[in-house]
C-alpha atoms as a PDB file:
ATOM      1  CA  MET A   1     116.562 108.952 112.165  1.00  0.00           C
ATOM      2  CA  PRO A   2     114.167 106.455 112.675  1.00  0.00           C
ATOM      3  CA  ALA A   3     115.180 103.046 112.832  1.00  0.00           C
ATOM      4  CA  ASP A   4     113.250 101.797 110.018  1.00  0.00           C
ATOM      5  CA  GLN A   5     115.080 104.374 107.548  1.00  0.00           C
ATOM      6  CA  ASN A   6     117.888 102.969 107.465  1.00  0.00           C
ATOM      7  CA  PRO A   7     120.160 105.130 109.322  1.00  0.00           C
ATOM      8  CA  SER A   8     123.926 105.315 107.695  1.00  0.00           C
ATOM      9  CA  HIS A   9     125.159 105.988 111.561  1.00  0.00           C
ATOM     10  CA  LEU A  10     124.060 105.601 115.206  1.00  0.00           C
ATOM     11  CA  GLY A  11     126.712 106.919 117.696  1.00  0.00           C
ATOM     12  CA  LYS A  12     130.136 106.064 116.659  1.00  0.00           C
ATOM     13  CA  TYR A  13     128.866 102.904 115.008  1.00  0.00           C
ATOM     14  CA  ARG A  14     128.688 103.142 110.927  1.00  0.00           C
ATOM     15  CA  VAL A  15     125.329 101.074 110.092  1.00  0.00           C
ATOM     16  CA  ASP A  16     125.640  99.145 106.436  1.00  0.00           C
ATOM     17  CA  ASN A  17     123.015  97.203 105.890  1.00  0.00           C
ATOM     18  CA  ALA A  18     119.843  95.190 107.361  1.00  0.00           C
ATOM     19  CA  VAL A  19     119.981  91.554 108.162  1.00  0.00           C
ATOM     20  CA  GLY A  20     117.060  90.649 110.196  1.00  0.00           C
ATOM     21  CA  GLN A  21     114.083  92.019 111.656  1.00  0.00           C
ATOM     22  CA  GLY A  22     111.414  91.215 113.672  1.00  0.00           C
ATOM     23  CA  ALA A  23     107.962  92.586 115.935  1.00  0.00           C
ATOM     24  CA  MET A  24     109.998  94.732 117.853  1.00  0.00           C
ATOM     25  CA  GLY A  25     112.743  95.797 115.780  1.00  0.00           C
ATOM     26  CA  VAL A  26     115.735  95.709 113.117  1.00  0.00           C
ATOM     27  CA  VAL A  27     118.443  94.252 113.316  1.00  0.00           C
ATOM     28  CA  TYR A  28     121.675  96.149 111.287  1.00  0.00           C
ATOM     29  CA  LYS A  29     125.147  94.677 110.443  1.00  0.00           C
ATOM     30  CA  GLY A  30     127.229  97.645 111.285  1.00  0.00           C
ATOM     31  CA  TYR A  31     130.837  98.714 112.177  1.00  0.00           C
ATOM     32  CA  ASP A  32     132.898 100.214 115.282  1.00  0.00           C
ATOM     33  CA  GLU A  33     135.271 102.604 113.235  1.00  0.00           C
ATOM     34  CA  ASP A  34     137.641 102.899 116.639  1.00  0.00           C
ATOM     35  CA  ILE A  35     138.660  99.637 116.697  1.00  0.00           C
ATOM     36  CA  GLU A  36     137.469  98.657 113.375  1.00  0.00           C
ATOM     37  CA  ARG A  37     135.480  95.497 114.586  1.00  0.00           C
ATOM     38  CA  PRO A  38     131.936  94.475 112.752  1.00  0.00           C
ATOM     39  CA  VAL A  39     129.206  94.736 115.119  1.00  0.00           C
ATOM     40  CA  ALA A  40     125.052  93.576 114.789  1.00  0.00           C
ATOM     41  CA  LEU A  41     123.094  96.610 115.932  1.00  0.00           C
ATOM     42  CA  LYS A  42     119.415  95.993 117.218  1.00  0.00           C
ATOM     43  CA  VAL A  43     117.149  99.068 117.121  1.00  0.00           C
ATOM     44  CA  LEU A  44     114.200  99.411 118.606  1.00  0.00           C
ATOM     45  CA  TYR A  45     111.479 100.682 116.237  1.00  0.00           C
ATOM     46  CA  SER A  46     110.175 104.339 117.019  1.00  0.00           C
ATOM     47  CA  HIS A  47     107.222 104.060 116.416  1.00  0.00           C
ATOM     48  CA  LEU A  48     106.646 101.885 118.739  1.00  0.00           C
ATOM     49  CA  LEU A  49     107.830 104.959 121.344  1.00  0.00           C
ATOM     50  CA  ASP A  50     105.115 106.771 120.827  1.00  0.00           C
ATOM     51  CA  ASP A  51     102.190 104.152 121.896  1.00  0.00           C
ATOM     52  CA  ASP A  52     100.815 104.264 125.605  1.00  0.00           C
ATOM     53  CA  MET A  53     103.487 101.550 126.163  1.00  0.00           C
ATOM     54  CA  GLY A  54     106.749 103.066 124.129  1.00  0.00           C
ATOM     55  CA  GLY A  55     108.147 104.149 127.676  1.00  0.00           C
ATOM     56  CA  GLU A  56     108.131 100.778 129.528  1.00  0.00           C
ATOM     57  CA  LEU A  57     109.251  99.249 125.731  1.00  0.00           C
ATOM     58  CA  ALA A  58     112.048 101.702 125.845  1.00  0.00           C
ATOM     59  CA  VAL A  59     113.210 100.192 129.875  1.00  0.00           C
ATOM     60  CA  ARG A  60     112.195  96.867 128.545  1.00  0.00           C
ATOM     61  CA  PHE A  61     114.979  97.297 126.031  1.00  0.00           C
ATOM     62  CA  ARG A  62     117.308  98.476 127.613  1.00  0.00           C
ATOM     63  CA  GLN A  63     116.731  95.593 130.583  1.00  0.00           C
ATOM     64  CA  GLU A  64     117.609  93.204 127.789  1.00  0.00           C
ATOM     65  CA  ALA A  65     121.221  94.896 127.148  1.00  0.00           C
ATOM     66  CA  LYS A  66     121.768  94.856 131.061  1.00  0.00           C
ATOM     67  CA  ALA A  67     120.737  91.192 131.355  1.00  0.00           C
ATOM     68  CA  ALA A  68     122.727  90.139 128.253  1.00  0.00           C
ATOM     69  CA  ALA A  69     125.606  92.129 129.594  1.00  0.00           C
ATOM     70  CA  ARG A  70     125.941  90.433 132.812  1.00  0.00           C
ATOM     71  CA  CYS A  71     126.477  86.945 130.966  1.00  0.00           C
ATOM     72  CA  MET A  72     130.036  87.005 129.096  1.00  0.00           C
ATOM     73  CA  HIS A  73     130.217  83.295 128.280  1.00  0.00           C
ATOM     74  CA  SER A  74     131.241  81.572 124.903  1.00  0.00           C
ATOM     75  CA  ASN A  75     127.565  80.648 124.229  1.00  0.00           C
ATOM     76  CA  ILE A  76     125.589  83.714 125.018  1.00  0.00           C
ATOM     77  CA  VAL A  77     125.873  86.580 122.438  1.00  0.00           C
ATOM     78  CA  THR A  78     128.050  89.127 123.648  1.00  0.00           C
ATOM     79  CA  VAL A  79     126.750  92.685 124.560  1.00  0.00           C
ATOM     80  CA  PHE A  80     129.040  95.390 123.823  1.00  0.00           C
ATOM     81  CA  ASP A  81     126.840  98.677 124.033  1.00  0.00           C
ATOM     82  CA  TYR A  82     123.647 100.439 124.574  1.00  0.00           C
ATOM     83  CA  GLY A  83     122.782 104.181 123.599  1.00  0.00           C
ATOM     84  CA  ILE A  84     120.219 106.276 121.957  1.00  0.00           C
ATOM     85  CA  SER A  85     121.236 107.986 119.065  1.00  0.00           C
ATOM     86  CA  ASP A  86     118.525 110.826 117.605  1.00  0.00           C
ATOM     87  CA  GLY A  87     115.481 109.133 119.523  1.00  0.00           C
ATOM     88  CA  ALA A  88     116.270 105.528 118.127  1.00  0.00           C
ATOM     89  CA  HIS A  89     116.924 102.943 121.121  1.00  0.00           C
ATOM     90  CA  TYR A  90     119.912 100.789 120.133  1.00  0.00           C
ATOM     91  CA  ILE A  91     122.087  97.862 121.618  1.00  0.00           C
ATOM     92  CA  VAL A  92     125.846  96.791 120.141  1.00  0.00           C
ATOM     93  CA  MET A  93     126.235  93.224 119.757  1.00  0.00           C
ATOM     94  CA  GLU A  94     128.953  91.308 118.726  1.00  0.00           C
ATOM     95  CA  TYR A  95     128.326  89.891 114.534  1.00  0.00           C
ATOM     96  CA  ILE A  96     127.718  86.346 114.491  1.00  0.00           C
ATOM     97  CA  GLU A  97     128.207  84.524 110.967  1.00  0.00           C
ATOM     98  CA  GLY A  98     125.869  81.976 111.826  1.00  0.00           C
ATOM     99  CA  VAL A  99     121.918  80.791 111.109  1.00  0.00           C
ATOM    100  CA  ASP A 100     118.709  80.466 113.382  1.00  0.00           C
ATOM    101  CA  LEU A 101     117.720  77.140 114.602  1.00  0.00           C
ATOM    102  CA  LYS A 102     114.646  77.635 113.792  1.00  0.00           C
ATOM    103  CA  THR A 103     115.613  78.069 109.877  1.00  0.00           C
ATOM    104  CA  LEU A 104     118.107  74.703 110.564  1.00  0.00           C
ATOM    105  CA  LEU A 105     114.887  72.926 111.487  1.00  0.00           C
ATOM    106  CA  ARG A 106     112.699  74.329 108.812  1.00  0.00           C
ATOM    107  CA  SER A 107     115.223  73.673 105.982  1.00  0.00           C
ATOM    108  CA  GLU A 108     115.059  70.156 104.009  1.00  0.00           C
ATOM    109  CA  LYS A 109     118.325  68.627 105.648  1.00  0.00           C
ATOM    110  CA  GLN A 110     117.418  66.638 109.418  1.00  0.00           C
ATOM    111  CA  ILE A 111     119.413  67.443 112.248  1.00  0.00           C
ATOM    112  CA  GLU A 112     121.101  64.189 113.242  1.00  0.00           C
ATOM    113  CA  PHE A 113     121.072  63.007 117.005  1.00  0.00           C
ATOM    114  CA  ARG A 114     124.437  64.129 117.746  1.00  0.00           C
ATOM    115  CA  GLN A 115     124.100  67.633 116.775  1.00  0.00           C
ATOM    116  CA  ALA A 116     121.233  67.876 118.555  1.00  0.00           C
ATOM    117  CA  VAL A 117     122.006  66.950 121.651  1.00  0.00           C
ATOM    118  CA  ASP A 118     125.407  68.961 121.549  1.00  0.00           C
ATOM    119  CA  ILE A 119     123.155  71.931 120.363  1.00  0.00           C
ATOM    120  CA  ALA A 120     120.840  71.646 123.621  1.00  0.00           C
ATOM    121  CA  ILE A 121     123.899  70.826 126.002  1.00  0.00           C
ATOM    122  CA  GLN A 122     125.540  74.092 124.918  1.00  0.00           C
ATOM    123  CA  VAL A 123     122.022  76.086 125.653  1.00  0.00           C
ATOM    124  CA  LEU A 124     122.172  74.360 128.756  1.00  0.00           C
ATOM    125  CA  SER A 125     125.783  75.526 129.727  1.00  0.00           C
ATOM    126  CA  ALA A 126     124.710  78.909 129.093  1.00  0.00           C
ATOM    127  CA  LEU A 127     121.523  78.924 130.786  1.00  0.00           C
ATOM    128  CA  GLU A 128     123.457  77.607 134.052  1.00  0.00           C
ATOM    129  CA  TYR A 129     125.387  80.689 133.357  1.00  0.00           C
ATOM    130  CA  ALA A 130     122.992  83.589 133.419  1.00  0.00           C
ATOM    131  CA  HIS A 131     120.782  81.888 135.873  1.00  0.00           C
ATOM    132  CA  SER A 132     124.009  81.905 138.039  1.00  0.00           C
ATOM    133  CA  ASN A 133     124.045  85.669 137.167  1.00  0.00           C
ATOM    134  CA  GLY A 134     120.627  85.645 138.037  1.00  0.00           C
ATOM    135  CA  VAL A 135     119.026  86.301 134.832  1.00  0.00           C
ATOM    136  CA  VAL A 136     116.162  83.977 133.393  1.00  0.00           C
ATOM    137  CA  HIS A 137     115.513  84.367 129.779  1.00  0.00           C
ATOM    138  CA  ARG A 138     112.335  83.314 129.783  1.00  0.00           C
ATOM    139  CA  ASP A 139     112.132  82.950 125.828  1.00  0.00           C
ATOM    140  CA  ILE A 140     114.020  80.267 124.763  1.00  0.00           C
ATOM    141  CA  LYS A 141     113.036  78.836 121.274  1.00  0.00           C
ATOM    142  CA  PRO A 142     114.593  77.876 117.748  1.00  0.00           C
ATOM    143  CA  ALA A 143     114.717  81.388 116.551  1.00  0.00           C
ATOM    144  CA  ASN A 144     116.882  82.730 119.855  1.00  0.00           C
ATOM    145  CA  ILE A 145     119.741  79.866 119.166  1.00  0.00           C
ATOM    146  CA  MET A 146     122.320  80.809 116.560  1.00  0.00           C
ATOM    147  CA  VAL A 147     124.106  77.953 115.225  1.00  0.00           C
ATOM    148  CA  LEU A 148     127.960  79.265 113.855  1.00  0.00           C
ATOM    149  CA  GLU A 149     129.172  76.920 110.956  1.00  0.00           C
ATOM    150  CA  ASN A 150     131.938  75.670 113.837  1.00  0.00           C
ATOM    151  CA  GLY A 151     129.277  74.125 115.596  1.00  0.00           C
ATOM    152  CA  GLN A 152     129.457  76.541 118.080  1.00  0.00           C
ATOM    153  CA  VAL A 153     126.040  77.601 119.636  1.00  0.00           C
ATOM    154  CA  LYS A 154     124.727  81.281 120.223  1.00  0.00           C
ATOM    155  CA  VAL A 155     121.874  82.250 122.644  1.00  0.00           C
ATOM    156  CA  ALA A 156     120.194  85.596 121.736  1.00  0.00           C
ATOM    157  CA  ASP A 157     117.536  87.802 122.368  1.00  0.00           C
ATOM    158  CA  PHE A 158     117.072  88.251 125.961  1.00  0.00           C
ATOM    159  CA  GLY A 159     114.144  90.672 125.739  1.00  0.00           C
ATOM    160  CA  ILE A 160     111.955  89.490 128.039  1.00  0.00           C
ATOM    161  CA  ALA A 161     114.541  87.964 130.517  1.00  0.00           C
ATOM    162  CA  ARG A 162     114.155  88.285 133.938  1.00  0.00           C
ATOM    163  CA  LEU A 163     117.104  89.988 136.210  1.00  0.00           C
ATOM    164  CA  GLU A 164     117.167  89.130 140.012  1.00  0.00           C
ATOM    165  CA  ASN A 165     116.315  92.629 141.886  1.00  0.00           C
ATOM    166  CA  SER A 166     113.896  93.916 139.306  1.00  0.00           C
ATOM    167  CA  ASP A 167     110.744  95.541 140.040  1.00  0.00           C
ATOM    168  CA  LEU A 168     109.984  95.706 136.140  1.00  0.00           C
ATOM    169  CA  THR A 169     108.517  92.127 135.506  1.00  0.00           C
ATOM    170  CA  GLN A 170     104.665  92.023 136.972  1.00  0.00           C
ATOM    171  CA  ALA A 171     103.352  88.615 138.665  1.00  0.00           C
ATOM    172  CA  GLY A 172     100.617  86.599 136.696  1.00  0.00           C
ATOM    173  CA  LEU A 173     102.148  88.609 133.467  1.00  0.00           C
ATOM    174  CA  MET A 174     102.700  85.402 131.085  1.00  0.00           C
ATOM    175  CA  LEU A 175     105.861  86.365 128.601  1.00  0.00           C
ATOM    176  CA  GLY A 176     107.218  84.218 126.358  1.00  0.00           C
ATOM    177  CA  THR A 177     106.463  82.652 123.590  1.00  0.00           C
ATOM    178  CA  PRO A 178     103.343  79.815 123.998  1.00  0.00           C
ATOM    179  CA  SER A 179     104.530  77.175 121.895  1.00  0.00           C
ATOM    180  CA  TYR A 180     107.992  76.695 124.275  1.00  0.00           C
ATOM    181  CA  MET A 181     106.706  78.100 127.622  1.00  0.00           C
ATOM    182  CA  SER A 182     105.954  75.466 130.615  1.00  0.00           C
ATOM    183  CA  PRO A 183     102.777  75.222 132.463  1.00  0.00           C
ATOM    184  CA  GLU A 184     103.978  77.673 134.913  1.00  0.00           C
ATOM    185  CA  GLY A 185     105.310  79.956 132.686  1.00  0.00           C
ATOM    186  CA  GLN A 186     101.836  80.314 130.650  1.00  0.00           C
ATOM    187  CA  ARG A 187     100.198  81.671 134.270  1.00  0.00           C
ATOM    188  CA  GLY A 188     102.881  83.864 134.379  1.00  0.00           C
ATOM    189  CA  GLU A 189     105.090  82.056 136.691  1.00  0.00           C
ATOM    190  CA  THR A 190     108.538  82.092 135.463  1.00  0.00           C
ATOM    191  CA  ASP A 191     112.395  80.682 137.347  1.00  0.00           C
ATOM    192  CA  ALA A 192     115.277  79.115 136.071  1.00  0.00           C
ATOM    193  CA  ARG A 193     113.101  75.983 135.832  1.00  0.00           C
ATOM    194  CA  SER A 194     110.973  77.289 132.866  1.00  0.00           C
ATOM    195  CA  ASP A 195     114.169  77.958 131.083  1.00  0.00           C
ATOM    196  CA  LEU A 196     114.789  74.498 131.206  1.00  0.00           C
ATOM    197  CA  TYR A 197     111.477  73.289 130.434  1.00  0.00           C
ATOM    198  CA  ALA A 198     111.886  75.298 127.087  1.00  0.00           C
ATOM    199  CA  VAL A 199     115.068  73.499 126.032  1.00  0.00           C
ATOM    200  CA  GLY A 200     113.058  70.406 126.703  1.00  0.00           C
ATOM    201  CA  VAL A 201     110.814  71.473 124.281  1.00  0.00           C
ATOM    202  CA  VAL A 202     113.447  72.486 121.982  1.00  0.00           C
ATOM    203  CA  LEU A 203     114.834  68.893 122.315  1.00  0.00           C
ATOM    204  CA  TYR A 204     111.874  67.186 121.296  1.00  0.00           C
ATOM    205  CA  GLU A 205     111.249  69.438 117.906  1.00  0.00           C
ATOM    206  CA  MET A 206     114.819  68.601 116.764  1.00  0.00           C
ATOM    207  CA  LEU A 207     115.046  64.874 117.434  1.00  0.00           C
ATOM    208  CA  THR A 208     111.424  64.679 116.041  1.00  0.00           C
ATOM    209  CA  GLY A 209     111.170  67.534 114.043  1.00  0.00           C
ATOM    210  CA  LYS A 210     107.792  67.677 114.889  1.00  0.00           C
ATOM    211  CA  ARG A 211     106.380  71.234 117.031  1.00  0.00           C
ATOM    212  CA  LEU A 212     104.641  71.244 120.267  1.00  0.00           C
ATOM    213  CA  GLY A 213     101.431  73.343 119.111  1.00  0.00           C
ATOM    214  CA  PRO A 214     100.290  75.672 122.078  1.00  0.00           C
ATOM    215  CA  GLY A 215      98.747  74.704 125.207  1.00  0.00           C
ATOM    216  CA  ARG A 216     100.136  71.416 124.489  1.00  0.00           C
ATOM    217  CA  GLN A 217     102.701  70.370 126.735  1.00  0.00           C
ATOM    218  CA  LEU A 218     105.275  67.467 127.167  1.00  0.00           C
ATOM    219  CA  GLU A 219     104.282  63.781 128.278  1.00  0.00           C
ATOM    220  CA  PRO A 220     104.647  63.100 132.103  1.00  0.00           C
ATOM    221  CA  ALA A 221     106.836  59.883 130.991  1.00  0.00           C
ATOM    222  CA  LEU A 222     108.902  62.164 128.445  1.00  0.00           C
ATOM    223  CA  LEU A 223     109.725  64.717 130.632  1.00  0.00           C
ATOM    224  CA  LYS A 224     110.857  62.192 133.209  1.00  0.00           C
ATOM    225  CA  ALA A 225     113.093  60.716 130.616  1.00  0.00           C
END
């Protein structure tokens, strides 16, 4: 059944209700009935597979699962499984009770200095592990940073991550979110340093409450600091 028509099951996983959606697909809360564990099910929109780029999107979606699966870290959303059910491509992840940083930034409550630094440190810890395992995230932004009630941070969405020894990504192709992208990233030249630049932009936004617009970069003096 197409991902956007509320399937009752995906493979062995029960589908309960939608908890989020984006340009690429829907995220459902689900349940692994075999081991009685709640899970999150990220499902690629079925209509995207019918387009000219459908084959590449399917490959990228699978690469997201592979990239996240390499990174078993307390600050990275854990991927349990990947599958295809009646034509629907899905990734099975840990279900998180939390809120994304984008939502926190849009709320009226200002993020305190100590909390902002703590969030940044946890994101950097996640990236240090990912980079050491040959994974560059390439889309660090508030919407991909989940904050749990106890303050723990989880980095999510490795949808455009670059894996070492992968020929899927073309040189010179700009992938990511412009507001959080390094100058090199805007030219399609990304490596681990691009992720670190994005963390700096996110930290700037948490501390000032202001978002850098597309095409604007941090001042050299601020970057040095």
